[in-house]
């Protein structure tokens, strides 16, 4: 009996061992920029804690300029230098942010077009390698992030209150609404801005 066609649901099931940002449960994950022994729920709590008392859309709207200020005047060679062998460089972080913004925009559009749709996780470490993040121009990465973020914010501003409640089924974390994704994205921004600040002493967003 021949196997049926590959479906988005199967893709989501295959990726079910990874978190939304590509990180994996401790049982099979590689070390990452912020390698932590945390469950999916602990990850959510850590990331959303960054936006407590803040407006997620305002946080997102400010991130591109903050990235520009953080890397301004810093030689590309320094931005590409990893603080440790198992930690991403500032350049790799901004490349990750640029690609993650594409993923977020795609996921939101999937949900809006087909509420309840499966949402597959991805392996961020594989993307770092396969996407040659170490060779990317960090300023071009920030430009990419800025353009895609602007488009995603424009989409969000057009949504009805009902659309903010629409959701997809994430392969690791289950039901995630547009509203929740927006909060997670803002927290993800802050998390990585803080990482860059630690890598580049003396630089502040």
C-alpha atoms as a PDB file:
ATOM      1  CA  UNK A   1       0.000   0.000   0.000  1.00  0.00           C
ATOM      2  CA  UNK A   2       1.435   3.319  -1.023  1.00  0.00           C
ATOM      3  CA  UNK A   3       1.895   6.042   1.534  1.00  0.00           C
ATOM      4  CA  UNK A   4      -0.431   9.002   1.202  1.00  0.00           C
ATOM      5  CA  UNK A   5       0.753  12.530   0.421  1.00  0.00           C
ATOM      6  CA  UNK A   6       2.809  14.409   3.010  1.00  0.00           C
ATOM      7  CA  UNK A   7       0.576  16.793   4.935  1.00  0.00           C
ATOM      8  CA  UNK A   8       1.207  19.863   7.097  1.00  0.00           C
ATOM      9  CA  UNK A   9      -0.156  17.865  10.036  1.00  0.00           C
ATOM     10  CA  UNK A  10       2.494  15.190   9.539  1.00  0.00           C
ATOM     11  CA  UNK A  11       5.136  17.889   9.291  1.00  0.00           C
ATOM     12  CA  UNK A  12       3.895  19.280  12.587  1.00  0.00           C
ATOM     13  CA  UNK A  13       4.014  15.828  14.173  1.00  0.00           C
ATOM     14  CA  UNK A  14       7.561  15.261  12.928  1.00  0.00           C
ATOM     15  CA  UNK A  15       8.656  18.517  14.514  1.00  0.00           C
ATOM     16  CA  UNK A  16       6.788  17.935  17.758  1.00  0.00           C
ATOM     17  CA  UNK A  17      10.007  17.436  19.737  1.00  0.00           C
ATOM     18  CA  UNK A  18      11.012  21.068  19.248  1.00  0.00           C
ATOM     19  CA  UNK A  19       9.889  24.331  20.810  1.00  0.00           C
ATOM     20  CA  UNK A  20       8.517  27.254  18.784  1.00  0.00           C
ATOM     21  CA  UNK A  21      11.842  29.019  18.511  1.00  0.00           C
ATOM     22  CA  UNK A  22      13.451  25.799  17.340  1.00  0.00           C
ATOM     23  CA  UNK A  23      14.790  24.765  20.737  1.00  0.00           C
ATOM     24  CA  UNK A  24      14.346  21.181  21.812  1.00  0.00           C
ATOM     25  CA  UNK A  25      13.303  19.426  25.012  1.00  0.00           C
ATOM     26  CA  UNK A  26      16.267  18.327  27.104  1.00  0.00           C
ATOM     27  CA  UNK A  27      15.923  14.743  25.967  1.00  0.00           C
ATOM     28  CA  UNK A  28      17.276  15.518  22.475  1.00  0.00           C
ATOM     29  CA  UNK A  29      18.227  19.167  22.231  1.00  0.00           C
ATOM     30  CA  UNK A  30      21.586  20.644  21.317  1.00  0.00           C
ATOM     31  CA  UNK A  31      23.107  23.470  23.283  1.00  0.00           C
ATOM     32  CA  UNK A  32      21.859  26.828  22.094  1.00  0.00           C
ATOM     33  CA  UNK A  33      22.462  30.522  22.656  1.00  0.00           C
ATOM     34  CA  UNK A  34      20.552  30.332  25.940  1.00  0.00           C
ATOM     35  CA  UNK A  35      20.741  26.632  26.625  1.00  0.00           C
ATOM     36  CA  UNK A  36      18.378  25.919  29.510  1.00  0.00           C
ATOM     37  CA  UNK A  37      16.893  22.774  30.922  1.00  0.00           C
ATOM     38  CA  UNK A  38      13.314  23.961  30.633  1.00  0.00           C
ATOM     39  CA  UNK A  39       9.987  22.568  29.539  1.00  0.00           C
ATOM     40  CA  UNK A  40       7.830  24.215  26.903  1.00  0.00           C
ATOM     41  CA  UNK A  41       5.733  25.813  29.650  1.00  0.00           C
ATOM     42  CA  UNK A  42       8.821  27.134  31.427  1.00  0.00           C
ATOM     43  CA  UNK A  43      10.025  28.605  28.143  1.00  0.00           C
ATOM     44  CA  UNK A  44       6.693  30.355  27.620  1.00  0.00           C
ATOM     45  CA  UNK A  45       6.781  31.770  31.145  1.00  0.00           C
ATOM     46  CA  UNK A  46      10.347  33.014  30.754  1.00  0.00           C
ATOM     47  CA  UNK A  47       9.718  34.708  27.420  1.00  0.00           C
ATOM     48  CA  UNK A  48       6.368  36.275  28.318  1.00  0.00           C
ATOM     49  CA  UNK A  49       7.788  37.557  31.612  1.00  0.00           C
ATOM     50  CA  UNK A  50       9.812  40.027  29.541  1.00  0.00           C
ATOM     51  CA  UNK A  51       6.626  41.799  28.436  1.00  0.00           C
ATOM     52  CA  UNK A  52       4.813  42.019  31.763  1.00  0.00           C
ATOM     53  CA  UNK A  53       3.511  45.578  32.118  1.00  0.00           C
ATOM     54  CA  UNK A  54       4.468  46.385  28.516  1.00  0.00           C
ATOM     55  CA  UNK A  55       2.495  46.791  25.303  1.00  0.00           C
ATOM     56  CA  UNK A  56       3.607  43.965  22.973  1.00  0.00           C
ATOM     57  CA  UNK A  57       2.948  45.907  19.776  1.00  0.00           C
ATOM     58  CA  UNK A  58       4.920  48.897  21.063  1.00  0.00           C
ATOM     59  CA  UNK A  59       7.795  46.595  21.992  1.00  0.00           C
ATOM     60  CA  UNK A  60       7.785  45.068  18.521  1.00  0.00           C
ATOM     61  CA  UNK A  61       7.598  48.453  16.808  1.00  0.00           C
ATOM     62  CA  UNK A  62      10.732  49.631  18.624  1.00  0.00           C
ATOM     63  CA  UNK A  63      12.938  46.574  18.102  1.00  0.00           C
ATOM     64  CA  UNK A  64      14.387  47.332  14.652  1.00  0.00           C
ATOM     65  CA  UNK A  65      15.702  50.747  15.741  1.00  0.00           C
ATOM     66  CA  UNK A  66      17.136  49.231  18.906  1.00  0.00           C
ATOM     67  CA  UNK A  67      18.997  46.638  16.849  1.00  0.00           C
ATOM     68  CA  UNK A  68      20.345  49.360  14.579  1.00  0.00           C
ATOM     69  CA  UNK A  69      21.642  51.315  17.567  1.00  0.00           C
ATOM     70  CA  UNK A  70      23.202  48.247  19.167  1.00  0.00           C
ATOM     71  CA  UNK A  71      25.302  47.341  16.135  1.00  0.00           C
ATOM     72  CA  UNK A  72      26.033  50.891  14.942  1.00  0.00           C
ATOM     73  CA  UNK A  73      29.755  51.522  14.672  1.00  0.00           C
ATOM     74  CA  UNK A  74      30.684  47.965  15.654  1.00  0.00           C
ATOM     75  CA  UNK A  75      33.012  46.250  13.152  1.00  0.00           C
ATOM     76  CA  UNK A  76      31.443  43.322  11.345  1.00  0.00           C
ATOM     77  CA  UNK A  77      34.304  41.101  12.504  1.00  0.00           C
ATOM     78  CA  UNK A  78      33.378  41.814  16.118  1.00  0.00           C
ATOM     79  CA  UNK A  79      29.689  41.231  15.475  1.00  0.00           C
ATOM     80  CA  UNK A  80      30.547  37.849  13.953  1.00  0.00           C
ATOM     81  CA  UNK A  81      32.692  36.757  16.896  1.00  0.00           C
ATOM     82  CA  UNK A  82      31.039  34.223  19.152  1.00  0.00           C
ATOM     83  CA  UNK A  83      31.373  34.838  22.901  1.00  0.00           C
ATOM     84  CA  UNK A  84      31.839  31.062  23.279  1.00  0.00           C
ATOM     85  CA  UNK A  85      31.903  28.114  20.903  1.00  0.00           C
ATOM     86  CA  UNK A  86      28.355  27.092  21.832  1.00  0.00           C
ATOM     87  CA  UNK A  87      26.838  30.583  21.855  1.00  0.00           C
ATOM     88  CA  UNK A  88      25.653  32.647  18.914  1.00  0.00           C
ATOM     89  CA  UNK A  89      27.405  35.832  17.875  1.00  0.00           C
ATOM     90  CA  UNK A  90      25.549  39.147  17.698  1.00  0.00           C
ATOM     91  CA  UNK A  91      25.481  38.731  13.916  1.00  0.00           C
ATOM     92  CA  UNK A  92      23.952  35.262  14.185  1.00  0.00           C
ATOM     93  CA  UNK A  93      21.332  36.572  16.614  1.00  0.00           C
ATOM     94  CA  UNK A  94      20.154  39.298  14.239  1.00  0.00           C
ATOM     95  CA  UNK A  95      20.093  36.760  11.387  1.00  0.00           C
ATOM     96  CA  UNK A  96      17.949  34.527  13.591  1.00  0.00           C
ATOM     97  CA  UNK A  97      15.611  37.421  14.360  1.00  0.00           C
ATOM     98  CA  UNK A  98      15.234  38.156  10.652  1.00  0.00           C
ATOM     99  CA  UNK A  99      14.342  34.587   9.790  1.00  0.00           C
ATOM    100  CA  UNK A 100      12.168  34.141  12.888  1.00  0.00           C
ATOM    101  CA  UNK A 101      10.116  37.157  11.813  1.00  0.00           C
ATOM    102  CA  UNK A 102       9.405  35.461   8.479  1.00  0.00           C
ATOM    103  CA  UNK A 103       8.288  32.340  10.364  1.00  0.00           C
ATOM    104  CA  UNK A 104       6.045  34.355  12.683  1.00  0.00           C
ATOM    105  CA  UNK A 105       4.422  36.198   9.795  1.00  0.00           C
ATOM    106  CA  UNK A 106       3.801  32.939   7.950  1.00  0.00           C
ATOM    107  CA  UNK A 107       2.303  31.271  11.021  1.00  0.00           C
ATOM    108  CA  UNK A 108      -0.065  34.169  11.662  1.00  0.00           C
ATOM    109  CA  UNK A 109      -1.219  34.123   8.048  1.00  0.00           C
ATOM    110  CA  UNK A 110      -1.764  30.361   8.201  1.00  0.00           C
ATOM    111  CA  UNK A 111      -3.919  30.802  11.296  1.00  0.00           C
ATOM    112  CA  UNK A 112      -5.916  33.669   9.837  1.00  0.00           C
ATOM    113  CA  UNK A 113      -6.554  31.734   6.626  1.00  0.00           C
ATOM    114  CA  UNK A 114      -7.394  28.436   8.343  1.00  0.00           C
ATOM    115  CA  UNK A 115      -8.052  28.773  12.088  1.00  0.00           C
ATOM    116  CA  UNK A 116      -7.012  25.691  14.035  1.00  0.00           C
ATOM    117  CA  UNK A 117      -4.304  24.780  11.513  1.00  0.00           C
ATOM    118  CA  UNK A 118      -1.290  22.727  12.692  1.00  0.00           C
ATOM    119  CA  UNK A 119       1.833  24.834  13.280  1.00  0.00           C
ATOM    120  CA  UNK A 120       5.165  23.030  12.951  1.00  0.00           C
ATOM    121  CA  UNK A 121       8.174  23.973  15.045  1.00  0.00           C
ATOM    122  CA  UNK A 122      11.609  24.315  13.434  1.00  0.00           C
ATOM    123  CA  UNK A 123      15.196  23.581  14.369  1.00  0.00           C
ATOM    124  CA  UNK A 124      16.912  26.936  14.829  1.00  0.00           C
ATOM    125  CA  UNK A 125      20.363  25.355  15.061  1.00  0.00           C
ATOM    126  CA  UNK A 126      19.914  23.703  11.675  1.00  0.00           C
ATOM    127  CA  UNK A 127      18.894  27.068  10.231  1.00  0.00           C
ATOM    128  CA  UNK A 128      22.030  28.697  11.624  1.00  0.00           C
ATOM    129  CA  UNK A 129      24.133  26.114   9.805  1.00  0.00           C
ATOM    130  CA  UNK A 130      22.146  25.671   6.597  1.00  0.00           C
ATOM    131  CA  UNK A 131      21.512  29.409   6.295  1.00  0.00           C
ATOM    132  CA  UNK A 132      25.184  30.272   6.822  1.00  0.00           C
ATOM    133  CA  UNK A 133      24.370  32.818   9.511  1.00  0.00           C
ATOM    134  CA  UNK A 134      28.072  33.232  10.265  1.00  0.00           C
ATOM    135  CA  UNK A 135      28.570  34.732   6.794  1.00  0.00           C
ATOM    136  CA  UNK A 136      25.564  37.035   6.727  1.00  0.00           C
ATOM    137  CA  UNK A 137      25.964  40.781   6.777  1.00  0.00           C
ATOM    138  CA  UNK A 138      24.473  41.773  10.166  1.00  0.00           C
ATOM    139  CA  UNK A 139      23.258  45.115   8.831  1.00  0.00           C
ATOM    140  CA  UNK A 140      21.454  43.383   5.974  1.00  0.00           C
ATOM    141  CA  UNK A 141      19.915  41.038   8.549  1.00  0.00           C
ATOM    142  CA  UNK A 142      18.565  44.019  10.478  1.00  0.00           C
ATOM    143  CA  UNK A 143      17.183  45.479   7.237  1.00  0.00           C
ATOM    144  CA  UNK A 144      15.422  42.185   6.510  1.00  0.00           C
ATOM    145  CA  UNK A 145      14.013  42.100  10.023  1.00  0.00           C
ATOM    146  CA  UNK A 146      12.817  45.692   9.784  1.00  0.00           C
ATOM    147  CA  UNK A 147      10.978  45.223   6.480  1.00  0.00           C
ATOM    148  CA  UNK A 148       9.234  41.999   7.503  1.00  0.00           C
ATOM    149  CA  UNK A 149       8.388  43.333  10.954  1.00  0.00           C
ATOM    150  CA  UNK A 150       6.786  46.411   9.406  1.00  0.00           C
ATOM    151  CA  UNK A 151       4.623  44.210   7.185  1.00  0.00           C
ATOM    152  CA  UNK A 152       3.598  42.007  10.104  1.00  0.00           C
ATOM    153  CA  UNK A 153       2.685  44.991  12.274  1.00  0.00           C
ATOM    154  CA  UNK A 154       0.580  46.425   9.454  1.00  0.00           C
ATOM    155  CA  UNK A 155      -1.276  43.107   9.250  1.00  0.00           C
ATOM    156  CA  UNK A 156      -1.874  43.039  12.994  1.00  0.00           C
ATOM    157  CA  UNK A 157      -3.243  46.570  13.009  1.00  0.00           C
ATOM    158  CA  UNK A 158      -5.818  45.533  10.398  1.00  0.00           C
ATOM    159  CA  UNK A 159      -7.246  42.615  12.380  1.00  0.00           C
ATOM    160  CA  UNK A 160     -10.654  42.515  13.995  1.00  0.00           C
ATOM    161  CA  UNK A 161     -10.987  41.630  17.710  1.00  0.00           C
ATOM    162  CA  UNK A 162     -12.288  38.211  16.668  1.00  0.00           C
ATOM    163  CA  UNK A 163      -9.204  37.529  14.536  1.00  0.00           C
ATOM    164  CA  UNK A 164      -6.912  38.175  17.504  1.00  0.00           C
ATOM    165  CA  UNK A 165      -8.551  35.169  19.183  1.00  0.00           C
ATOM    166  CA  UNK A 166      -8.018  32.798  16.259  1.00  0.00           C
ATOM    167  CA  UNK A 167      -5.439  30.110  16.897  1.00  0.00           C
ATOM    168  CA  UNK A 168      -3.210  27.396  15.484  1.00  0.00           C
ATOM    169  CA  UNK A 169      -2.162  24.114  17.099  1.00  0.00           C
ATOM    170  CA  UNK A 170       1.554  24.284  17.782  1.00  0.00           C
ATOM    171  CA  UNK A 171       3.276  20.897  17.580  1.00  0.00           C
ATOM    172  CA  UNK A 172       4.895  21.304  20.998  1.00  0.00           C
ATOM    173  CA  UNK A 173       2.806  23.810  22.937  1.00  0.00           C
ATOM    174  CA  UNK A 174      -0.705  23.209  21.669  1.00  0.00           C
ATOM    175  CA  UNK A 175      -3.212  25.994  21.060  1.00  0.00           C
ATOM    176  CA  UNK A 176      -1.706  29.435  20.366  1.00  0.00           C
ATOM    177  CA  UNK A 177      -3.796  32.478  19.489  1.00  0.00           C
ATOM    178  CA  UNK A 178      -2.628  35.436  17.422  1.00  0.00           C
ATOM    179  CA  UNK A 179      -2.700  37.449  20.655  1.00  0.00           C
ATOM    180  CA  UNK A 180      -0.410  34.953  22.378  1.00  0.00           C
ATOM    181  CA  UNK A 181       1.985  34.836  19.426  1.00  0.00           C
ATOM    182  CA  UNK A 182       2.275  38.630  19.532  1.00  0.00           C
ATOM    183  CA  UNK A 183       3.193  38.533  23.231  1.00  0.00           C
ATOM    184  CA  UNK A 184       5.694  35.733  22.661  1.00  0.00           C
ATOM    185  CA  UNK A 185       7.282  37.609  19.768  1.00  0.00           C
ATOM    186  CA  UNK A 186       7.710  40.760  21.861  1.00  0.00           C
ATOM    187  CA  UNK A 187       9.286  38.743  24.664  1.00  0.00           C
ATOM    188  CA  UNK A 188      11.535  37.000  22.139  1.00  0.00           C
ATOM    189  CA  UNK A 189      12.689  40.425  20.923  1.00  0.00           C
ATOM    190  CA  UNK A 190      13.627  41.558  24.427  1.00  0.00           C
ATOM    191  CA  UNK A 191      15.370  38.271  25.181  1.00  0.00           C
ATOM    192  CA  UNK A 192      17.659  38.620  22.170  1.00  0.00           C
ATOM    193  CA  UNK A 193      18.263  42.345  22.639  1.00  0.00           C
ATOM    194  CA  UNK A 194      19.534  41.542  26.112  1.00  0.00           C
ATOM    195  CA  UNK A 195      21.779  38.820  24.688  1.00  0.00           C
ATOM    196  CA  UNK A 196      23.338  41.272  22.253  1.00  0.00           C
ATOM    197  CA  UNK A 197      23.905  43.777  25.050  1.00  0.00           C
ATOM    198  CA  UNK A 198      25.786  41.116  27.007  1.00  0.00           C
ATOM    199  CA  UNK A 199      27.921  40.259  23.973  1.00  0.00           C
ATOM    200  CA  UNK A 200      28.719  43.914  23.233  1.00  0.00           C
ATOM    201  CA  UNK A 201      29.681  45.508  26.562  1.00  0.00           C
ATOM    202  CA  UNK A 202      29.014  49.209  26.687  1.00  0.00           C
ATOM    203  CA  UNK A 203      26.253  49.052  24.080  1.00  0.00           C
ATOM    204  CA  UNK A 204      22.717  49.756  25.188  1.00  0.00           C
ATOM    205  CA  UNK A 205      19.518  49.748  23.151  1.00  0.00           C
END
